[in-house]
């Protein structure tokens, strides 16, 4: 899963984290995900990649209050709620519950 935009150091770090996770008993797919997220997060924090808004809608088993405003906006968009981008988080929660 290493990305083409990653430096050689990023790719080595990815492989090291992935191998470490697998040695700890984590399955291959999960180890790859953990490694990729870790490297991507560090790149974002160092300013080497744009901080892109989440594309998801959050964990469906969690309450709306726990989810981020971005996740609620994505959910509102999927449900066809109008003017969701102008709403506060509390207004989004209220609209989603209707």
PDB file of N, CA and C in Angstrom:
ATOM      1  N   UNK A   1       0.789  -1.200   0.000  1.00  0.00           N
ATOM      2  CA  UNK A   1       0.000   0.000   0.000  1.00  0.00           C
ATOM      3  C   UNK A   1       0.840   1.277   0.000  1.00  0.00           C
ATOM      4  N   UNK A   2       2.155   1.240  -0.014  1.00  0.00           N
ATOM      5  CA  UNK A   2       2.928   2.478  -0.055  1.00  0.00           C
ATOM      6  C   UNK A   2       2.511   3.331  -1.250  1.00  0.00           C
ATOM      7  N   UNK A   3       2.491   4.626  -1.034  1.00  0.00           N
ATOM      8  CA  UNK A   3       2.057   5.557  -2.057  1.00  0.00           C
ATOM      9  C   UNK A   3       3.244   6.042  -2.884  1.00  0.00           C
ATOM     10  N   UNK A   4       3.003   6.384  -4.151  1.00  0.00           N
ATOM     11  CA  UNK A   4       4.074   6.884  -5.014  1.00  0.00           C
ATOM     12  C   UNK A   4       4.619   8.212  -4.523  1.00  0.00           C
ATOM     13  N   UNK A   5       3.802   9.015  -3.849  1.00  0.00           N
ATOM     14  CA  UNK A   5       4.221  10.329  -3.378  1.00  0.00           C
ATOM     15  C   UNK A   5       5.097  10.224  -2.133  1.00  0.00           C
ATOM     16  N   UNK A   6       5.129   9.066  -1.521  1.00  0.00           N
ATOM     17  CA  UNK A   6       5.905   8.898  -0.304  1.00  0.00           C
ATOM     18  C   UNK A   6       7.394   8.882  -0.616  1.00  0.00           C
ATOM     19  N   UNK A   7       8.186   9.413   0.321  1.00  0.00           N
ATOM     20  CA  UNK A   7       9.637   9.351   0.172  1.00  0.00           C
ATOM     21  C   UNK A   7      10.109   7.932   0.492  1.00  0.00           C
ATOM     22  N   UNK A   8      11.372   7.661   0.197  1.00  0.00           N
ATOM     23  CA  UNK A   8      11.934   6.347   0.535  1.00  0.00           C
ATOM     24  C   UNK A   8      11.834   6.101   2.038  1.00  0.00           C
ATOM     25  N   UNK A   9      12.051   7.162   2.819  1.00  0.00           N
ATOM     26  CA  UNK A   9      11.968   7.038   4.276  1.00  0.00           C
ATOM     27  C   UNK A   9      10.540   6.677   4.707  1.00  0.00           C
ATOM     28  N   UNK A  10       9.542   7.303   4.075  1.00  0.00           N
ATOM     29  CA  UNK A  10       8.145   6.994   4.386  1.00  0.00           C
ATOM     30  C   UNK A  10       7.838   5.530   4.081  1.00  0.00           C
ATOM     31  N   UNK A  11       8.323   5.051   2.956  1.00  0.00           N
ATOM     32  CA  UNK A  11       8.066   3.658   2.578  1.00  0.00           C
ATOM     33  C   UNK A  11       8.755   2.688   3.532  1.00  0.00           C
ATOM     34  N   UNK A  12       9.976   3.020   3.975  1.00  0.00           N
ATOM     35  CA  UNK A  12      10.662   2.159   4.953  1.00  0.00           C
ATOM     36  C   UNK A  12       9.895   2.138   6.276  1.00  0.00           C
ATOM     37  N   UNK A  13       9.414   3.305   6.679  1.00  0.00           N
ATOM     38  CA  UNK A  13       8.646   3.401   7.927  1.00  0.00           C
ATOM     39  C   UNK A  13       7.367   2.565   7.814  1.00  0.00           C
ATOM     40  N   UNK A  14       6.689   2.663   6.666  1.00  0.00           N
ATOM     41  CA  UNK A  14       5.474   1.885   6.418  1.00  0.00           C
ATOM     42  C   UNK A  14       5.767   0.387   6.571  1.00  0.00           C
ATOM     43  N   UNK A  15       6.813  -0.094   5.919  1.00  0.00           N
ATOM     44  CA  UNK A  15       7.176  -1.514   5.985  1.00  0.00           C
ATOM     45  C   UNK A  15       7.514  -1.926   7.415  1.00  0.00           C
ATOM     46  N   UNK A  16       8.238  -1.079   8.131  1.00  0.00           N
ATOM     47  CA  UNK A  16       8.620  -1.394   9.513  1.00  0.00           C
ATOM     48  C   UNK A  16       7.376  -1.507  10.412  1.00  0.00           C
ATOM     49  N   UNK A  17       6.470  -0.549  10.285  1.00  0.00           N
ATOM     50  CA  UNK A  17       5.254  -0.568  11.105  1.00  0.00           C
ATOM     51  C   UNK A  17       4.399  -1.782  10.754  1.00  0.00           C
ATOM     52  N   UNK A  18       4.266  -2.045   9.457  1.00  0.00           N
ATOM     53  CA  UNK A  18       3.467  -3.192   9.010  1.00  0.00           C
ATOM     54  C   UNK A  18       4.048  -4.498   9.564  1.00  0.00           C
ATOM     55  N   UNK A  19       5.351  -4.675   9.437  1.00  0.00           N
ATOM     56  CA  UNK A  19       5.993  -5.888   9.947  1.00  0.00           C
ATOM     57  C   UNK A  19       5.834  -6.006  11.459  1.00  0.00           C
ATOM     58  N   UNK A  20       5.967  -4.883  12.134  1.00  0.00           N
ATOM     59  CA  UNK A  20       5.825  -4.862  13.600  1.00  0.00           C
ATOM     60  C   UNK A  20       4.415  -5.285  14.020  1.00  0.00           C
ATOM     61  N   UNK A  21       3.424  -4.768  13.305  1.00  0.00           N
ATOM     62  CA  UNK A  21       2.034  -5.121  13.611  1.00  0.00           C
ATOM     63  C   UNK A  21       1.781  -6.609  13.357  1.00  0.00           C
ATOM     64  N   UNK A  22       2.311  -7.118  12.256  1.00  0.00           N
ATOM     65  CA  UNK A  22       2.121  -8.535  11.935  1.00  0.00           C
ATOM     66  C   UNK A  22       2.775  -9.426  12.992  1.00  0.00           C
ATOM     67  N   UNK A  23       3.951  -9.017  13.496  1.00  0.00           N
ATOM     68  CA  UNK A  23       4.620  -9.777  14.555  1.00  0.00           C
ATOM     69  C   UNK A  23       3.801  -9.779  15.838  1.00  0.00           C
ATOM     70  N   UNK A  24       3.006  -8.719  16.023  1.00  0.00           N
ATOM     71  CA  UNK A  24       2.150  -8.620  17.211  1.00  0.00           C
ATOM     72  C   UNK A  24       0.863  -9.408  17.069  1.00  0.00           C
ATOM     73  N   UNK A  25       0.670 -10.050  15.914  1.00  0.00           N
ATOM     74  CA  UNK A  25      -0.505 -10.893  15.714  1.00  0.00           C
ATOM     75  C   UNK A  25      -1.636 -10.245  14.947  1.00  0.00           C
ATOM     76  N   UNK A  26      -1.414  -9.034  14.427  1.00  0.00           N
ATOM     77  CA  UNK A  26      -2.444  -8.353  13.649  1.00  0.00           C
ATOM     78  C   UNK A  26      -2.454  -8.949  12.245  1.00  0.00           C
ATOM     79  N   UNK A  27      -3.650  -9.124  11.653  1.00  0.00           N
ATOM     80  CA  UNK A  27      -3.700  -9.714  10.309  1.00  0.00           C
ATOM     81  C   UNK A  27      -3.128  -8.748   9.268  1.00  0.00           C
ATOM     82  N   UNK A  28      -2.797  -9.297   8.103  1.00  0.00           N
ATOM     83  CA  UNK A  28      -2.107  -8.551   7.040  1.00  0.00           C
ATOM     84  C   UNK A  28      -2.829  -7.267   6.635  1.00  0.00           C
ATOM     85  N   UNK A  29      -4.122  -7.352   6.360  1.00  0.00           N
ATOM     86  CA  UNK A  29      -4.871  -6.171   5.905  1.00  0.00           C
ATOM     87  C   UNK A  29      -4.897  -5.077   6.961  1.00  0.00           C
ATOM     88  N   UNK A  30      -5.154  -5.462   8.192  1.00  0.00           N
ATOM     89  CA  UNK A  30      -5.199  -4.479   9.281  1.00  0.00           C
ATOM     90  C   UNK A  30      -3.817  -3.872   9.513  1.00  0.00           C
ATOM     91  N   UNK A  31      -2.769  -4.676   9.426  1.00  0.00           N
ATOM     92  CA  UNK A  31      -1.404  -4.173   9.605  1.00  0.00           C
ATOM     93  C   UNK A  31      -1.074  -3.138   8.525  1.00  0.00           C
ATOM     94  N   UNK A  32      -1.492  -3.404   7.285  1.00  0.00           N
ATOM     95  CA  UNK A  32      -1.265  -2.458   6.202  1.00  0.00           C
ATOM     96  C   UNK A  32      -2.011  -1.152   6.447  1.00  0.00           C
ATOM     97  N   UNK A  33      -3.248  -1.267   6.919  1.00  0.00           N
ATOM     98  CA  UNK A  33      -4.043  -0.071   7.182  1.00  0.00           C
ATOM     99  C   UNK A  33      -3.415   0.767   8.285  1.00  0.00           C
ATOM    100  N   UNK A  34      -3.014   0.134   9.370  1.00  0.00           N
ATOM    101  CA  UNK A  34      -2.393   0.850  10.489  1.00  0.00           C
ATOM    102  C   UNK A  34      -1.124   1.552  10.022  1.00  0.00           C
ATOM    103  N   UNK A  35      -0.295   0.853   9.259  1.00  0.00           N
ATOM    104  CA  UNK A  35       0.965   1.427   8.781  1.00  0.00           C
ATOM    105  C   UNK A  35       0.705   2.623   7.861  1.00  0.00           C
ATOM    106  N   UNK A  36      -0.231   2.473   6.918  1.00  0.00           N
ATOM    107  CA  UNK A  36      -0.525   3.559   5.977  1.00  0.00           C
ATOM    108  C   UNK A  36      -1.091   4.772   6.698  1.00  0.00           C
ATOM    109  N   UNK A  37      -1.992   4.546   7.624  1.00  0.00           N
ATOM    110  CA  UNK A  37      -2.585   5.673   8.365  1.00  0.00           C
ATOM    111  C   UNK A  37      -1.542   6.388   9.210  1.00  0.00           C
ATOM    112  N   UNK A  38      -0.635   5.621   9.806  1.00  0.00           N
ATOM    113  CA  UNK A  38       0.402   6.213  10.640  1.00  0.00           C
ATOM    114  C   UNK A  38       1.327   7.100   9.815  1.00  0.00           C
ATOM    115  N   UNK A  39       1.782   6.590   8.674  1.00  0.00           N
ATOM    116  CA  UNK A  39       2.673   7.371   7.812  1.00  0.00           C
ATOM    117  C   UNK A  39       1.941   8.597   7.258  1.00  0.00           C
ATOM    118  N   UNK A  40       0.709   8.426   6.828  1.00  0.00           N
ATOM    119  CA  UNK A  40      -0.057   9.546   6.279  1.00  0.00           C
ATOM    120  C   UNK A  40      -0.298  10.621   7.327  1.00  0.00           C
ATOM    121  N   UNK A  41      -0.590  10.211   8.544  1.00  0.00           N
ATOM    122  CA  UNK A  41      -0.820  11.178   9.616  1.00  0.00           C
ATOM    123  C   UNK A  41       0.442  11.988   9.878  1.00  0.00           C
ATOM    124  N   UNK A  42       1.577  11.322   9.931  1.00  0.00           N
ATOM    125  CA  UNK A  42       2.833  12.033  10.170  1.00  0.00           C
ATOM    126  C   UNK A  42       3.121  13.010   9.028  1.00  0.00           C
ATOM    127  N   UNK A  43       2.868  12.604   7.798  1.00  0.00           N
ATOM    128  CA  UNK A  43       3.089  13.490   6.658  1.00  0.00           C
ATOM    129  C   UNK A  43       2.187  14.718   6.741  1.00  0.00           C
ATOM    130  N   UNK A  44       0.917  14.523   7.151  1.00  0.00           N
ATOM    131  CA  UNK A  44      -0.007  15.653   7.323  1.00  0.00           C
ATOM    132  C   UNK A  44       0.485  16.599   8.403  1.00  0.00           C
ATOM    133  N   UNK A  45       0.900  16.030   9.544  1.00  0.00           N
ATOM    134  CA  UNK A  45       1.365  16.848  10.669  1.00  0.00           C
ATOM    135  C   UNK A  45       2.619  17.638  10.312  1.00  0.00           C
ATOM    136  N   UNK A  46       3.448  17.091   9.443  1.00  0.00           N
ATOM    137  CA  UNK A  46       4.671  17.774   9.011  1.00  0.00           C
ATOM    138  C   UNK A  46       4.399  18.744   7.863  1.00  0.00           C
ATOM    139  N   UNK A  47       3.172  18.793   7.374  1.00  0.00           N
ATOM    140  CA  UNK A  47       2.815  19.703   6.297  1.00  0.00           C
ATOM    141  C   UNK A  47       3.257  19.244   4.922  1.00  0.00           C
ATOM    142  N   UNK A  48       3.530  17.954   4.776  1.00  0.00           N
ATOM    143  CA  UNK A  48       3.970  17.430   3.482  1.00  0.00           C
ATOM    144  C   UNK A  48       2.819  16.936   2.626  1.00  0.00           C
ATOM    145  N   UNK A  49       1.616  17.067   3.108  1.00  0.00           N
ATOM    146  CA  UNK A  49       0.439  16.656   2.355  1.00  0.00           C
ATOM    147  C   UNK A  49      -0.733  17.516   2.803  1.00  0.00           C
ATOM    148  N   UNK A  50      -1.673  17.793   1.929  1.00  0.00           N
ATOM    149  CA  UNK A  50      -2.815  18.609   2.340  1.00  0.00           C
ATOM    150  C   UNK A  50      -3.676  17.867   3.353  1.00  0.00           C
ATOM    151  N   UNK A  51      -4.285  18.622   4.232  1.00  0.00           N
ATOM    152  CA  UNK A  51      -5.178  18.050   5.225  1.00  0.00           C
ATOM    153  C   UNK A  51      -6.572  17.971   4.614  1.00  0.00           C
ATOM    154  N   UNK A  52      -6.853  16.888   3.941  1.00  0.00           N
ATOM    155  CA  UNK A  52      -8.103  16.700   3.215  1.00  0.00           C
ATOM    156  C   UNK A  52      -9.228  16.349   4.193  1.00  0.00           C
ATOM    157  N   UNK A  53     -10.405  16.913   3.941  1.00  0.00           N
ATOM    158  CA  UNK A  53     -11.562  16.595   4.777  1.00  0.00           C
ATOM    159  C   UNK A  53     -11.926  15.134   4.631  1.00  0.00           C
ATOM    160  N   UNK A  54     -12.493  14.611   5.674  1.00  0.00           N
ATOM    161  CA  UNK A  54     -12.895  13.209   5.657  1.00  0.00           C
ATOM    162  C   UNK A  54     -13.949  12.963   4.588  1.00  0.00           C
ATOM    163  N   UNK A  55     -13.913  11.794   4.009  1.00  0.00           N
ATOM    164  CA  UNK A  55     -14.903  11.415   3.010  1.00  0.00           C
ATOM    165  C   UNK A  55     -15.999  10.559   3.622  1.00  0.00           C
ATOM    166  N   UNK A  56     -15.813  10.141   4.865  1.00  0.00           N
ATOM    167  CA  UNK A  56     -16.734   9.205   5.477  1.00  0.00           C
ATOM    168  C   UNK A  56     -17.862   9.860   6.229  1.00  0.00           C
ATOM    169  N   UNK A  57     -18.700   9.015   6.802  1.00  0.00           N
ATOM    170  CA  UNK A  57     -19.828   9.493   7.590  1.00  0.00           C
ATOM    171  C   UNK A  57     -19.721   9.018   9.031  1.00  0.00           C
ATOM    172  N   UNK A  58     -18.584   8.458   9.390  1.00  0.00           N
ATOM    173  CA  UNK A  58     -18.386   8.004  10.760  1.00  0.00           C
ATOM    174  C   UNK A  58     -18.917   6.604  10.985  1.00  0.00           C
ATOM    175  N   UNK A  59     -18.615   6.100  12.140  1.00  0.00           N
ATOM    176  CA  UNK A  59     -19.048   4.768  12.530  1.00  0.00           C
ATOM    177  C   UNK A  59     -20.553   4.778  12.765  1.00  0.00           C
ATOM    178  N   UNK A  60     -21.315   3.977  12.038  1.00  0.00           N
ATOM    179  CA  UNK A  60     -22.773   4.009  12.186  1.00  0.00           C
ATOM    180  C   UNK A  60     -23.272   3.550  13.553  1.00  0.00           C
ATOM    181  N   UNK A  61     -22.426   2.933  14.344  1.00  0.00           N
ATOM    182  CA  UNK A  61     -22.861   2.490  15.672  1.00  0.00           C
ATOM    183  C   UNK A  61     -22.635   3.562  16.740  1.00  0.00           C
ATOM    184  N   UNK A  62     -22.022   4.703  16.364  1.00  0.00           N
ATOM    185  CA  UNK A  62     -21.802   5.767  17.340  1.00  0.00           C
ATOM    186  C   UNK A  62     -22.876   6.835  17.188  1.00  0.00           C
ATOM    187  N   UNK A  63     -23.075   7.578  18.243  1.00  0.00           N
ATOM    188  CA  UNK A  63     -24.094   8.631  18.211  1.00  0.00           C
ATOM    189  C   UNK A  63     -23.603   9.798  17.356  1.00  0.00           C
ATOM    190  N   UNK A  64     -24.529  10.625  16.934  1.00  0.00           N
ATOM    191  CA  UNK A  64     -24.180  11.790  16.126  1.00  0.00           C
ATOM    192  C   UNK A  64     -23.256  12.729  16.906  1.00  0.00           C
ATOM    193  N   UNK A  65     -23.443  12.823  18.206  1.00  0.00           N
ATOM    194  CA  UNK A  65     -22.640  13.742  19.018  1.00  0.00           C
ATOM    195  C   UNK A  65     -21.149  13.404  18.987  1.00  0.00           C
ATOM    196  N   UNK A  66     -20.827  12.132  18.806  1.00  0.00           N
ATOM    197  CA  UNK A  66     -19.432  11.686  18.805  1.00  0.00           C
ATOM    198  C   UNK A  66     -18.770  11.939  17.454  1.00  0.00           C
ATOM    199  N   UNK A  67     -19.549  11.990  16.394  1.00  0.00           N
ATOM    200  CA  UNK A  67     -19.000  12.160  15.052  1.00  0.00           C
ATOM    201  C   UNK A  67     -18.542  13.604  14.825  1.00  0.00           C
ATOM    202  N   UNK A  68     -17.639  13.793  13.868  1.00  0.00           N
ATOM    203  CA  UNK A  68     -17.158  15.134  13.553  1.00  0.00           C
ATOM    204  C   UNK A  68     -18.195  15.868  12.717  1.00  0.00           C
ATOM    205  N   UNK A  69     -18.051  17.192  12.649  1.00  0.00           N
ATOM    206  CA  UNK A  69     -18.975  17.988  11.838  1.00  0.00           C
ATOM    207  C   UNK A  69     -18.849  17.594  10.365  1.00  0.00           C
ATOM    208  N   UNK A  70     -17.624  17.332   9.912  1.00  0.00           N
ATOM    209  CA  UNK A  70     -17.430  16.895   8.521  1.00  0.00           C
ATOM    210  C   UNK A  70     -18.201  15.608   8.236  1.00  0.00           C
ATOM    211  N   UNK A  71     -18.139  14.660   9.164  1.00  0.00           N
ATOM    212  CA  UNK A  71     -18.861  13.394   8.977  1.00  0.00           C
ATOM    213  C   UNK A  71     -20.366  13.635   8.934  1.00  0.00           C
ATOM    214  N   UNK A  72     -20.855  14.516   9.806  1.00  0.00           N
ATOM    215  CA  UNK A  72     -22.287  14.828   9.814  1.00  0.00           C
ATOM    216  C   UNK A  72     -22.704  15.525   8.520  1.00  0.00           C
ATOM    217  N   UNK A  73     -21.838  16.423   8.003  1.00  0.00           N
ATOM    218  CA  UNK A  73     -22.148  17.090   6.736  1.00  0.00           C
ATOM    219  C   UNK A  73     -22.212  16.081   5.591  1.00  0.00           C
ATOM    220  N   UNK A  74     -21.294  15.130   5.580  1.00  0.00           N
ATOM    221  CA  UNK A  74     -21.315  14.101   4.536  1.00  0.00           C
ATOM    222  C   UNK A  74     -22.590  13.264   4.629  1.00  0.00           C
ATOM    223  N   UNK A  75     -22.999  12.937   5.849  1.00  0.00           N
ATOM    224  CA  UNK A  75     -24.220  12.170   6.059  1.00  0.00           C
ATOM    225  C   UNK A  75     -25.447  12.970   5.616  1.00  0.00           C
ATOM    226  N   UNK A  76     -25.469  14.262   5.967  1.00  0.00           N
ATOM    227  CA  UNK A  76     -26.583  15.127   5.570  1.00  0.00           C
ATOM    228  C   UNK A  76     -26.666  15.238   4.047  1.00  0.00           C
ATOM    229  N   UNK A  77     -25.524  15.319   3.405  1.00  0.00           N
ATOM    230  CA  UNK A  77     -25.494  15.379   1.939  1.00  0.00           C
ATOM    231  C   UNK A  77     -26.095  14.111   1.344  1.00  0.00           C
ATOM    232  N   UNK A  78     -25.708  12.959   1.888  1.00  0.00           N
ATOM    233  CA  UNK A  78     -26.233  11.681   1.403  1.00  0.00           C
ATOM    234  C   UNK A  78     -27.744  11.590   1.577  1.00  0.00           C
ATOM    235  N   UNK A  79     -28.258  12.191   2.656  1.00  0.00           N
ATOM    236  CA  UNK A  79     -29.692  12.112   2.941  1.00  0.00           C
ATOM    237  C   UNK A  79     -30.482  13.231   2.257  1.00  0.00           C
ATOM    238  N   UNK A  80     -29.789  14.105   1.517  1.00  0.00           N
ATOM    239  CA  UNK A  80     -30.479  15.158   0.766  1.00  0.00           C
ATOM    240  C   UNK A  80     -30.936  16.337   1.601  1.00  0.00           C
ATOM    241  N   UNK A  81     -30.319  16.573   2.729  1.00  0.00           N
ATOM    242  CA  UNK A  81     -30.678  17.716   3.578  1.00  0.00           C
ATOM    243  C   UNK A  81     -30.100  18.977   2.944  1.00  0.00           C
ATOM    244  N   UNK A  82     -30.940  19.999   2.780  1.00  0.00           N
ATOM    245  CA  UNK A  82     -30.513  21.239   2.129  1.00  0.00           C
ATOM    246  C   UNK A  82     -29.823  22.167   3.123  1.00  0.00           C
ATOM    247  N   UNK A  83     -28.902  22.967   2.621  1.00  0.00           N
ATOM    248  CA  UNK A  83     -28.176  23.988   3.392  1.00  0.00           C
ATOM    249  C   UNK A  83     -27.384  23.415   4.564  1.00  0.00           C
ATOM    250  N   UNK A  84     -26.986  22.165   4.483  1.00  0.00           N
ATOM    251  CA  UNK A  84     -26.260  21.537   5.592  1.00  0.00           C
ATOM    252  C   UNK A  84     -24.920  22.209   5.866  1.00  0.00           C
ATOM    253  N   UNK A  85     -24.300  22.783   4.845  1.00  0.00           N
ATOM    254  CA  UNK A  85     -22.983  23.391   5.049  1.00  0.00           C
ATOM    255  C   UNK A  85     -23.051  24.671   5.875  1.00  0.00           C
ATOM    256  N   UNK A  86     -24.236  25.249   5.987  1.00  0.00           N
ATOM    257  CA  UNK A  86     -24.407  26.476   6.768  1.00  0.00           C
ATOM    258  C   UNK A  86     -24.835  26.183   8.209  1.00  0.00           C
ATOM    259  N   UNK A  87     -25.087  24.932   8.531  1.00  0.00           N
ATOM    260  CA  UNK A  87     -25.577  24.561   9.862  1.00  0.00           C
ATOM    261  C   UNK A  87     -24.435  24.339  10.849  1.00  0.00           C
ATOM    262  N   UNK A  88     -24.752  24.551  12.122  1.00  0.00           N
ATOM    263  CA  UNK A  88     -23.815  24.199  13.181  1.00  0.00           C
ATOM    264  C   UNK A  88     -23.915  22.688  13.405  1.00  0.00           C
ATOM    265  N   UNK A  89     -23.020  22.167  14.187  1.00  0.00           N
ATOM    266  CA  UNK A  89     -23.049  20.732  14.467  1.00  0.00           C
ATOM    267  C   UNK A  89     -24.371  20.353  15.137  1.00  0.00           C
ATOM    268  N   UNK A  90     -24.821  21.174  16.070  1.00  0.00           N
ATOM    269  CA  UNK A  90     -26.074  20.890  16.768  1.00  0.00           C
ATOM    270  C   UNK A  90     -27.261  20.908  15.805  1.00  0.00           C
ATOM    271  N   UNK A  91     -27.270  21.865  14.872  1.00  0.00           N
ATOM    272  CA  UNK A  91     -28.349  21.942  13.885  1.00  0.00           C
ATOM    273  C   UNK A  91     -28.321  20.738  12.951  1.00  0.00           C
ATOM    274  N   UNK A  92     -27.113  20.296  12.598  1.00  0.00           N
ATOM    275  CA  UNK A  92     -26.990  19.102  11.760  1.00  0.00           C
ATOM    276  C   UNK A  92     -27.577  17.886  12.448  1.00  0.00           C
ATOM    277  N   UNK A  93     -27.251  17.719  13.719  1.00  0.00           N
ATOM    278  CA  UNK A  93     -27.760  16.579  14.486  1.00  0.00           C
ATOM    279  C   UNK A  93     -29.278  16.609  14.513  1.00  0.00           C
ATOM    280  N   UNK A  94     -29.843  17.791  14.761  1.00  0.00           N
ATOM    281  CA  UNK A  94     -31.296  17.933  14.796  1.00  0.00           C
ATOM    282  C   UNK A  94     -31.911  17.587  13.441  1.00  0.00           C
ATOM    283  N   UNK A  95     -31.314  18.075  12.359  1.00  0.00           N
ATOM    284  CA  UNK A  95     -31.830  17.810  11.014  1.00  0.00           C
ATOM    285  C   UNK A  95     -31.729  16.336  10.672  1.00  0.00           C
ATOM    286  N   UNK A  96     -30.656  15.694  11.062  1.00  0.00           N
ATOM    287  CA  UNK A  96     -30.481  14.265  10.768  1.00  0.00           C
ATOM    288  C   UNK A  96     -31.478  13.408  11.552  1.00  0.00           C
ATOM    289  N   UNK A  97     -31.869  13.858  12.703  1.00  0.00           N
ATOM    290  CA  UNK A  97     -32.814  13.084  13.527  1.00  0.00           C
ATOM    291  C   UNK A  97     -34.251  13.224  13.051  1.00  0.00           C
ATOM    292  N   UNK A  98     -34.536  14.227  12.247  1.00  0.00           N
ATOM    293  CA  UNK A  98     -35.907  14.428  11.735  1.00  0.00           C
ATOM    294  C   UNK A  98     -36.264  13.407  10.707  1.00  0.00           C
TER     295      UNK A  98
END
